[in-house]
């Protein structure tokens, strides 16, 4: 803890006059305040990916305060301000980790698709695209006067589950099931297939 204190106090001494108020406030922190800062840093940085530790987060928060990239608002206690900066830094780390994970997953998915052969890469047959568009138009015409059915169709097109559709549109489970049965009968009468789950 002493090394941390001296390192940051040294950093505070090297800044220009524009940051003298924050630098002075950091230098004047009591040992109890430093212990609180350490506890806050440990709280916010718990389980951070990439081996980022509490001292990294705390030092980064102080550096951002000193270089004014995160200005200290007047009337906000220093510990509360630094805690907010640390939380923001940790949120940025988590956001980056989630983005990197998503990119890795997408890269794996693309690798799987390319491994399946050229069939996955070829564009759909124009005749199939036309047939799908015509079938979709027929379904919309068939249910144009049925708002509940159109909600279910929209929800299914968005990849929602039955419970998500019910929640989104304020439908009861019974109303959802009844509408799905009505849709199935109408599609069969219209010569269209029912393939929704």
Foldseek 3Di string as FASTA:
>chain_A
DVVLLVVLLVVLVPADPVLVVLSVVSNPDDPVLVVVLLVLLQVLCPPQPDPDGSSNLLSVLSVCCRVVVPDDDPPDDPSVSSSVSSNVVSVVSVVVVVVVVVVVVVVVVVVVQVVVDCVSVDDDDPVVVVVVVVLVVVLCVLCVVPVLLVLVVVCVVVVHDLVVSCVVVVHDSVRNVVSVVVSCVSCVVVVHHDDGD
